Amino acid sequence: MSHVTRPQDPTFSSHQFIQLALDNQVLKFGEFVLKSGRISPYFFNAGLLATGEMLSLLARGYADALAEQISANNGDNEQELVIFGAAYKGIPFVAATAQALWLHHGINAKWGYNRKEAKTHGEGGNLVGADVTGKAVWVLDDVITAGTAMREVVEILEQAGASVAGIIVALDRKEKGQAEHSAIQELAATLEVPVRALVDIDDLISYLADVHGAQNGQHKGATQLAKMQHYREQYGV
């Protein structure tokens, strides 16, 4: 069993999240072939967000972003907040975020998620948790690549009588799709809702510049930074 000193009140920062993601192999720099055929200089695998420390920090990031959004809207922490996790990775994210909202912001959010396949016995259906009927729901996910999975979640929510209030993802690649816009930009425009990210590729580039700059530009780090900057210039929005 691993024992570490636990911070009393962890707050989210992009730099801390990136470092923790690197330490746990969630984020890797190198060469990775994407489904699009592009050679990416980095890869983010949210399936490896598999420690209490990482999940707590991620959930705090989601919770802080949601609380900030509420404050920007009307400053009322008593308004009903419903959050939704896109199966499967979004399920632990939404559960942990509901806890973080209550513990750190005093917001008692309702939460739910979808099943990949509808249940045909018991309570049935493909939704679990909070009743979303007639509610404006915030959806949490890890990364939006093409936006296909998120559109399916939106369709499920709309069929259940809900609307989407906004979407928050862990990472925004800020990358062009088939057209000149990113999947996140296209979703935001189509749904006419805010789509936010906790960390984006610019944060990754800034992290590399800061860390490897402090190490006097070691060759490996300088190469990684150059590859990230080139990829951003080639495919970024």
C-alpha atoms as a PDB file:
ATOM      1  CA  MET A   1       0.000   0.000   0.000  1.00  0.00           C
ATOM      2  CA  SER A   2       1.327   3.408  -1.015  1.00  0.00           C
ATOM      3  CA  HIS A   3       1.257   6.197   1.576  1.00  0.00           C
ATOM      4  CA  VAL A   4       1.868   9.809   0.641  1.00  0.00           C
ATOM      5  CA  THR A   5       1.360  13.140   2.343  1.00  0.00           C
ATOM      6  CA  ARG A   6      -2.103  14.316   1.374  1.00  0.00           C
ATOM      7  CA  PRO A   7      -2.718  18.031   0.805  1.00  0.00           C
ATOM      8  CA  GLN A   8      -5.439  19.379   3.099  1.00  0.00           C
ATOM      9  CA  ASP A   9      -7.241  21.391   0.434  1.00  0.00           C
ATOM     10  CA  PRO A  10      -5.954  20.625  -3.055  1.00  0.00           C
ATOM     11  CA  THR A  11      -6.748  23.235  -5.672  1.00  0.00           C
ATOM     12  CA  PHE A  12      -6.565  22.715  -9.397  1.00  0.00           C
ATOM     13  CA  SER A  13      -3.784  24.168 -11.503  1.00  0.00           C
ATOM     14  CA  SER A  14      -2.973  23.223 -15.082  1.00  0.00           C
ATOM     15  CA  HIS A  15       0.751  22.910 -14.282  1.00  0.00           C
ATOM     16  CA  GLN A  16       0.109  20.528 -11.380  1.00  0.00           C
ATOM     17  CA  PHE A  17      -2.322  18.457 -13.429  1.00  0.00           C
ATOM     18  CA  ILE A  18       0.108  18.161 -16.348  1.00  0.00           C
ATOM     19  CA  GLN A  19       2.943  17.097 -14.045  1.00  0.00           C
ATOM     20  CA  LEU A  20       0.759  14.521 -12.318  1.00  0.00           C
ATOM     21  CA  ALA A  21      -0.475  13.238 -15.680  1.00  0.00           C
ATOM     22  CA  LEU A  22       3.116  12.800 -16.860  1.00  0.00           C
ATOM     23  CA  ASP A  23       4.113  11.055 -13.629  1.00  0.00           C
ATOM     24  CA  ASN A  24       1.264   8.554 -14.077  1.00  0.00           C
ATOM     25  CA  GLN A  25       1.708   8.003 -17.838  1.00  0.00           C
ATOM     26  CA  VAL A  26      -1.674   9.597 -18.537  1.00  0.00           C
ATOM     27  CA  LEU A  27       0.122  12.141 -20.703  1.00  0.00           C
ATOM     28  CA  LYS A  28       3.024  11.068 -22.885  1.00  0.00           C
ATOM     29  CA  PHE A  29       5.259  12.918 -25.292  1.00  0.00           C
ATOM     30  CA  GLY A  30       6.640  11.091 -28.318  1.00  0.00           C
ATOM     31  CA  GLU A  31       5.108  10.069 -31.660  1.00  0.00           C
ATOM     32  CA  PHE A  32       1.582   8.684 -31.759  1.00  0.00           C
ATOM     33  CA  VAL A  33      -0.549   7.826 -34.795  1.00  0.00           C
ATOM     34  CA  LEU A  34      -4.098   9.161 -34.378  1.00  0.00           C
ATOM     35  CA  LYS A  35      -7.225   7.758 -36.047  1.00  0.00           C
ATOM     36  CA  SER A  36      -7.024  10.680 -38.448  1.00  0.00           C
ATOM     37  CA  GLY A  37      -3.597   9.450 -39.562  1.00  0.00           C
ATOM     38  CA  ARG A  38      -1.838  12.467 -38.079  1.00  0.00           C
ATOM     39  CA  ILE A  39       1.390  11.911 -36.156  1.00  0.00           C
ATOM     40  CA  SER A  40       0.825  13.590 -32.813  1.00  0.00           C
ATOM     41  CA  PRO A  41       3.741  14.550 -30.536  1.00  0.00           C
ATOM     42  CA  TYR A  42       1.641  13.787 -27.469  1.00  0.00           C
ATOM     43  CA  PHE A  43      -1.061  11.420 -26.264  1.00  0.00           C
ATOM     44  CA  PHE A  44      -3.552  11.732 -23.400  1.00  0.00           C
ATOM     45  CA  ASN A  45      -5.084   8.529 -22.007  1.00  0.00           C
ATOM     46  CA  ALA A  46      -7.788   9.361 -19.455  1.00  0.00           C
ATOM     47  CA  GLY A  47      -8.252   5.655 -18.773  1.00  0.00           C
ATOM     48  CA  LEU A  48      -5.079   5.866 -16.674  1.00  0.00           C
ATOM     49  CA  LEU A  49      -6.518   8.510 -14.324  1.00  0.00           C
ATOM     50  CA  ALA A  50      -6.640   5.624 -11.912  1.00  0.00           C
ATOM     51  CA  THR A  51      -5.401   6.950  -8.564  1.00  0.00           C
ATOM     52  CA  GLY A  52      -7.233   8.795  -5.841  1.00  0.00           C
ATOM     53  CA  GLU A  53      -4.855  11.734  -6.181  1.00  0.00           C
ATOM     54  CA  MET A  54      -5.417  12.136  -9.904  1.00  0.00           C
ATOM     55  CA  LEU A  55      -9.188  11.707  -9.720  1.00  0.00           C
ATOM     56  CA  SER A  56      -9.417  14.176  -6.830  1.00  0.00           C
ATOM     57  CA  LEU A  57      -7.427  16.816  -8.696  1.00  0.00           C
ATOM     58  CA  LEU A  58      -9.413  16.328 -11.894  1.00  0.00           C
ATOM     59  CA  ALA A  59     -12.714  16.486 -10.010  1.00  0.00           C
ATOM     60  CA  ARG A  60     -11.581  19.665  -8.274  1.00  0.00           C
ATOM     61  CA  GLY A  61     -10.882  21.167 -11.685  1.00  0.00           C
ATOM     62  CA  TYR A  62     -14.343  20.267 -12.974  1.00  0.00           C
ATOM     63  CA  ALA A  63     -15.950  21.533  -9.751  1.00  0.00           C
ATOM     64  CA  ASP A  64     -14.077  24.842  -9.813  1.00  0.00           C
ATOM     65  CA  ALA A  65     -15.058  25.397 -13.449  1.00  0.00           C
ATOM     66  CA  LEU A  66     -18.720  24.646 -12.715  1.00  0.00           C
ATOM     67  CA  ALA A  67     -18.767  26.899  -9.659  1.00  0.00           C
ATOM     68  CA  GLU A  68     -17.161  29.666 -11.717  1.00  0.00           C
ATOM     69  CA  GLN A  69     -19.806  29.211 -14.404  1.00  0.00           C
ATOM     70  CA  ILE A  70     -22.608  29.458 -11.833  1.00  0.00           C
ATOM     71  CA  SER A  71     -21.047  32.569 -10.362  1.00  0.00           C
ATOM     72  CA  ALA A  72     -20.769  34.137 -13.814  1.00  0.00           C
ATOM     73  CA  ASN A  73     -24.433  33.365 -14.529  1.00  0.00           C
ATOM     74  CA  ASN A  74     -26.129  34.615 -11.376  1.00  0.00           C
ATOM     75  CA  GLY A  75     -23.943  33.873  -8.361  1.00  0.00           C
ATOM     76  CA  ASP A  76     -26.566  31.561  -6.890  1.00  0.00           C
ATOM     77  CA  ASN A  77     -25.040  28.387  -5.435  1.00  0.00           C
ATOM     78  CA  GLU A  78     -28.529  27.278  -4.456  1.00  0.00           C
ATOM     79  CA  GLN A  79     -29.709  26.855  -8.030  1.00  0.00           C
ATOM     80  CA  GLU A  80     -30.220  23.271  -9.136  1.00  0.00           C
ATOM     81  CA  LEU A  81     -27.169  21.880 -10.859  1.00  0.00           C
ATOM     82  CA  VAL A  82     -27.306  18.607 -12.759  1.00  0.00           C
ATOM     83  CA  ILE A  83     -24.084  17.089 -14.076  1.00  0.00           C
ATOM     84  CA  PHE A  84     -23.763  14.135 -16.403  1.00  0.00           C
ATOM     85  CA  GLY A  85     -20.908  11.726 -17.154  1.00  0.00           C
ATOM     86  CA  ALA A  86     -20.552  10.279 -20.632  1.00  0.00           C
ATOM     87  CA  ALA A  87     -20.032   6.505 -20.368  1.00  0.00           C
ATOM     88  CA  TYR A  88     -17.670   5.039 -19.596  1.00  0.00           C
ATOM     89  CA  LYS A  89     -14.802   7.297 -18.594  1.00  0.00           C
ATOM     90  CA  GLY A  90     -17.124  10.111 -17.572  1.00  0.00           C
ATOM     91  CA  ILE A  91     -18.832   8.026 -14.876  1.00  0.00           C
ATOM     92  CA  PRO A  92     -16.133   8.236 -12.173  1.00  0.00           C
ATOM     93  CA  PHE A  93     -15.460  11.828 -13.220  1.00  0.00           C
ATOM     94  CA  VAL A  94     -19.030  12.945 -12.594  1.00  0.00           C
ATOM     95  CA  ALA A  95     -19.336  11.078  -9.280  1.00  0.00           C
ATOM     96  CA  ALA A  96     -16.098  12.569  -7.943  1.00  0.00           C
ATOM     97  CA  THR A  97     -17.060  16.021  -9.216  1.00  0.00           C
ATOM     98  CA  ALA A  98     -20.377  15.911  -7.371  1.00  0.00           C
ATOM     99  CA  GLN A  99     -18.431  15.247  -4.166  1.00  0.00           C
ATOM    100  CA  ALA A 100     -15.935  18.031  -4.916  1.00  0.00           C
ATOM    101  CA  LEU A 101     -18.747  20.506  -5.589  1.00  0.00           C
ATOM    102  CA  TRP A 102     -20.281  19.747  -2.193  1.00  0.00           C
ATOM    103  CA  LEU A 103     -17.016  19.651  -0.227  1.00  0.00           C
ATOM    104  CA  HIS A 104     -15.340  22.702  -1.734  1.00  0.00           C
ATOM    105  CA  HIS A 105     -18.201  24.900  -2.948  1.00  0.00           C
ATOM    106  CA  GLY A 106     -21.247  23.872  -0.934  1.00  0.00           C
ATOM    107  CA  ILE A 107     -23.092  23.028  -4.147  1.00  0.00           C
ATOM    108  CA  ASN A 108     -25.297  19.947  -3.848  1.00  0.00           C
ATOM    109  CA  ALA A 109     -25.300  18.830  -7.474  1.00  0.00           C
ATOM    110  CA  LYS A 110     -27.373  15.978  -8.820  1.00  0.00           C
ATOM    111  CA  TRP A 111     -25.516  13.599 -11.078  1.00  0.00           C
ATOM    112  CA  GLY A 112     -26.139  10.799 -13.523  1.00  0.00           C
ATOM    113  CA  TYR A 113     -24.689   8.962 -16.476  1.00  0.00           C
ATOM    114  CA  ASN A 114     -25.655   6.854 -19.464  1.00  0.00           C
ATOM    115  CA  ARG A 115     -25.227   3.183 -20.216  1.00  0.00           C
ATOM    116  CA  LYS A 116     -23.723   2.143 -23.525  1.00  0.00           C
ATOM    117  CA  GLU A 117     -26.561  -0.347 -23.914  1.00  0.00           C
ATOM    118  CA  ALA A 118     -30.101   0.141 -22.613  1.00  0.00           C
ATOM    119  CA  LYS A 119     -31.086  -2.080 -19.690  1.00  0.00           C
ATOM    120  CA  THR A 120     -34.124  -4.222 -20.497  1.00  0.00           C
ATOM    121  CA  HIS A 121     -34.967  -5.365 -16.950  1.00  0.00           C
ATOM    122  CA  GLY A 122     -35.328  -3.729 -13.539  1.00  0.00           C
ATOM    123  CA  GLU A 123     -35.623   0.036 -13.906  1.00  0.00           C
ATOM    124  CA  GLY A 124     -34.689  -0.288 -17.594  1.00  0.00           C
ATOM    125  CA  GLY A 125     -33.472   2.449 -19.886  1.00  0.00           C
ATOM    126  CA  ASN A 126     -30.020   3.800 -20.596  1.00  0.00           C
ATOM    127  CA  LEU A 127     -29.854   6.563 -17.972  1.00  0.00           C
ATOM    128  CA  VAL A 128     -28.770   6.103 -14.355  1.00  0.00           C
ATOM    129  CA  GLY A 129     -28.892   8.541 -11.463  1.00  0.00           C
ATOM    130  CA  ALA A 130     -30.547  11.942 -11.410  1.00  0.00           C
ATOM    131  CA  ASP A 131     -33.792  12.507 -13.308  1.00  0.00           C
ATOM    132  CA  VAL A 132     -32.805  14.848 -16.139  1.00  0.00           C
ATOM    133  CA  THR A 133     -36.292  15.465 -17.507  1.00  0.00           C
ATOM    134  CA  GLY A 134     -36.802  19.166 -18.064  1.00  0.00           C
ATOM    135  CA  LYS A 135     -33.308  19.966 -16.751  1.00  0.00           C
ATOM    136  CA  ALA A 136     -30.391  21.858 -18.269  1.00  0.00           C
ATOM    137  CA  VAL A 137     -27.472  19.478 -17.818  1.00  0.00           C
ATOM    138  CA  TRP A 138     -23.698  20.011 -17.772  1.00  0.00           C
ATOM    139  CA  VAL A 139     -21.829  17.145 -19.443  1.00  0.00           C
ATOM    140  CA  LEU A 140     -18.328  16.076 -18.323  1.00  0.00           C
ATOM    141  CA  ASP A 141     -15.909  14.142 -20.514  1.00  0.00           C
ATOM    142  CA  ASP A 142     -12.183  13.601 -20.969  1.00  0.00           C
ATOM    143  CA  VAL A 143     -11.355  14.683 -24.525  1.00  0.00           C
ATOM    144  CA  ILE A 144     -13.470  15.564 -27.539  1.00  0.00           C
ATOM    145  CA  THR A 145     -11.781  14.349 -30.699  1.00  0.00           C
ATOM    146  CA  ALA A 146     -14.311  14.182 -33.537  1.00  0.00           C
ATOM    147  CA  GLY A 147     -17.312  14.991 -31.354  1.00  0.00           C
ATOM    148  CA  THR A 148     -19.254  11.888 -32.435  1.00  0.00           C
ATOM    149  CA  ALA A 149     -19.573  10.371 -28.952  1.00  0.00           C
ATOM    150  CA  MET A 150     -20.609  13.715 -27.440  1.00  0.00           C
ATOM    151  CA  ARG A 151     -23.320  14.191 -30.070  1.00  0.00           C
ATOM    152  CA  GLU A 152     -24.677  10.766 -29.138  1.00  0.00           C
ATOM    153  CA  VAL A 153     -24.813  11.806 -25.457  1.00  0.00           C
ATOM    154  CA  VAL A 154     -26.602  15.027 -26.393  1.00  0.00           C
ATOM    155  CA  GLU A 155     -29.144  13.012 -28.380  1.00  0.00           C
ATOM    156  CA  ILE A 156     -29.721  10.685 -25.408  1.00  0.00           C
ATOM    157  CA  LEU A 157     -30.301  13.652 -23.099  1.00  0.00           C
ATOM    158  CA  GLU A 158     -32.666  15.333 -25.537  1.00  0.00           C
ATOM    159  CA  GLN A 159     -34.659  12.110 -25.907  1.00  0.00           C
ATOM    160  CA  ALA A 160     -34.987  12.093 -22.108  1.00  0.00           C
ATOM    161  CA  GLY A 161     -36.406  15.611 -22.174  1.00  0.00           C
ATOM    162  CA  ALA A 162     -33.235  17.372 -21.054  1.00  0.00           C
ATOM    163  CA  SER A 163     -31.174  20.122 -22.644  1.00  0.00           C
ATOM    164  CA  VAL A 164     -27.428  20.692 -22.502  1.00  0.00           C
ATOM    165  CA  ALA A 165     -26.320  23.689 -20.450  1.00  0.00           C
ATOM    166  CA  GLY A 166     -22.656  23.237 -21.327  1.00  0.00           C
ATOM    167  CA  ILE A 167     -19.774  20.799 -21.676  1.00  0.00           C
ATOM    168  CA  ILE A 168     -16.494  20.582 -19.758  1.00  0.00           C
ATOM    169  CA  VAL A 169     -13.612  18.397 -20.908  1.00  0.00           C
ATOM    170  CA  ALA A 170     -10.275  17.673 -19.298  1.00  0.00           C
ATOM    171  CA  LEU A 171      -8.194  18.412 -22.415  1.00  0.00           C
ATOM    172  CA  ASP A 172      -8.782  20.522 -25.523  1.00  0.00           C
ATOM    173  CA  ARG A 173      -6.376  19.640 -28.327  1.00  0.00           C
ATOM    174  CA  LYS A 174      -7.426  22.856 -30.171  1.00  0.00           C
ATOM    175  CA  GLU A 175      -7.014  20.912 -33.366  1.00  0.00           C
ATOM    176  CA  LYS A 176      -8.672  21.245 -36.756  1.00  0.00           C
ATOM    177  CA  GLY A 177     -11.049  18.514 -37.853  1.00  0.00           C
ATOM    178  CA  GLN A 178     -11.895  18.017 -41.510  1.00  0.00           C
ATOM    179  CA  ALA A 179     -12.713  21.730 -41.783  1.00  0.00           C
ATOM    180  CA  GLU A 180     -11.023  24.773 -40.263  1.00  0.00           C
ATOM    181  CA  HIS A 181     -12.734  24.455 -36.887  1.00  0.00           C
ATOM    182  CA  SER A 182     -12.068  22.071 -34.008  1.00  0.00           C
ATOM    183  CA  ALA A 183     -14.667  19.577 -32.811  1.00  0.00           C
ATOM    184  CA  ILE A 184     -15.137  21.667 -29.673  1.00  0.00           C
ATOM    185  CA  GLN A 185     -15.742  24.832 -31.703  1.00  0.00           C
ATOM    186  CA  GLU A 186     -18.235  22.994 -33.905  1.00  0.00           C
ATOM    187  CA  LEU A 187     -20.098  21.606 -30.883  1.00  0.00           C
ATOM    188  CA  ALA A 188     -20.232  24.993 -29.196  1.00  0.00           C
ATOM    189  CA  ALA A 189     -21.618  26.573 -32.360  1.00  0.00           C
ATOM    190  CA  THR A 190     -24.127  23.794 -33.061  1.00  0.00           C
ATOM    191  CA  LEU A 191     -25.457  23.489 -29.510  1.00  0.00           C
ATOM    192  CA  GLU A 192     -25.047  27.198 -28.715  1.00  0.00           C
ATOM    193  CA  VAL A 193     -23.641  26.357 -25.277  1.00  0.00           C
ATOM    194  CA  PRO A 194     -20.259  26.950 -23.623  1.00  0.00           C
ATOM    195  CA  VAL A 195     -17.683  24.195 -24.077  1.00  0.00           C
ATOM    196  CA  ARG A 196     -14.787  24.569 -21.625  1.00  0.00           C
ATOM    197  CA  ALA A 197     -11.544  22.702 -21.020  1.00  0.00           C
ATOM    198  CA  LEU A 198      -9.404  22.413 -17.910  1.00  0.00           C
ATOM    199  CA  VAL A 199      -6.175  22.113 -19.908  1.00  0.00           C
ATOM    200  CA  ASP A 200      -5.345  22.664 -23.574  1.00  0.00           C
ATOM    201  CA  ILE A 201      -2.376  22.236 -25.894  1.00  0.00           C
ATOM    202  CA  ASP A 202      -1.202  25.772 -25.156  1.00  0.00           C
ATOM    203  CA  ASP A 203      -0.897  24.803 -21.482  1.00  0.00           C
ATOM    204  CA  LEU A 204       1.205  21.794 -22.508  1.00  0.00           C
ATOM    205  CA  ILE A 205       3.486  23.994 -24.599  1.00  0.00           C
ATOM    206  CA  SER A 206       3.818  26.505 -21.752  1.00  0.00           C
ATOM    207  CA  TYR A 207       4.617  23.673 -19.347  1.00  0.00           C
ATOM    208  CA  LEU A 208       7.404  22.377 -21.609  1.00  0.00           C
ATOM    209  CA  ALA A 209       8.782  25.873 -22.096  1.00  0.00           C
ATOM    210  CA  ASP A 210       8.815  26.543 -18.356  1.00  0.00           C
ATOM    211  CA  VAL A 211      10.198  23.190 -17.223  1.00  0.00           C
ATOM    212  CA  HIS A 212      12.832  22.717 -19.885  1.00  0.00           C
ATOM    213  CA  GLY A 213      13.730  26.403 -19.885  1.00  0.00           C
ATOM    214  CA  ALA A 214      14.546  26.022 -16.192  1.00  0.00           C
ATOM    215  CA  GLN A 215      16.717  23.037 -17.120  1.00  0.00           C
ATOM    216  CA  ASN A 216      18.733  25.185 -19.542  1.00  0.00           C
ATOM    217  CA  GLY A 217      17.109  23.746 -22.660  1.00  0.00           C
ATOM    218  CA  GLN A 218      18.156  20.109 -22.429  1.00  0.00           C
ATOM    219  CA  HIS A 219      18.145  18.548 -25.913  1.00  0.00           C
ATOM    220  CA  LYS A 220      15.250  16.119 -25.371  1.00  0.00           C
ATOM    221  CA  GLY A 221      13.024  18.741 -23.807  1.00  0.00           C
ATOM    222  CA  ALA A 222      13.858  21.334 -26.460  1.00  0.00           C
ATOM    223  CA  THR A 223      13.008  18.800 -29.183  1.00  0.00           C
ATOM    224  CA  GLN A 224       9.665  17.971 -27.558  1.00  0.00           C
ATOM    225  CA  LEU A 225       8.829  21.652 -27.282  1.00  0.00           C
ATOM    226  CA  ALA A 226       9.719  22.270 -30.943  1.00  0.00           C
ATOM    227  CA  LYS A 227       7.572  19.336 -32.075  1.00  0.00           C
ATOM    228  CA  MET A 228       4.612  20.577 -30.021  1.00  0.00           C
ATOM    229  CA  GLN A 229       4.945  24.091 -31.404  1.00  0.00           C
ATOM    230  CA  HIS A 230       5.192  22.775 -34.970  1.00  0.00           C
ATOM    231  CA  TYR A 231       2.122  20.563 -34.522  1.00  0.00           C
ATOM    232  CA  ARG A 232       0.184  23.511 -33.068  1.00  0.00           C
ATOM    233  CA  GLU A 233       1.127  25.680 -36.059  1.00  0.00           C
ATOM    234  CA  GLN A 234       0.228  22.929 -38.542  1.00  0.00           C
ATOM    235  CA  TYR A 235      -3.102  21.722 -37.133  1.00  0.00           C
ATOM    236  CA  GLY A 236      -4.133  24.235 -34.495  1.00  0.00           C
ATOM    237  CA  VAL A 237      -7.156  26.518 -34.500  1.00  0.00           C
END
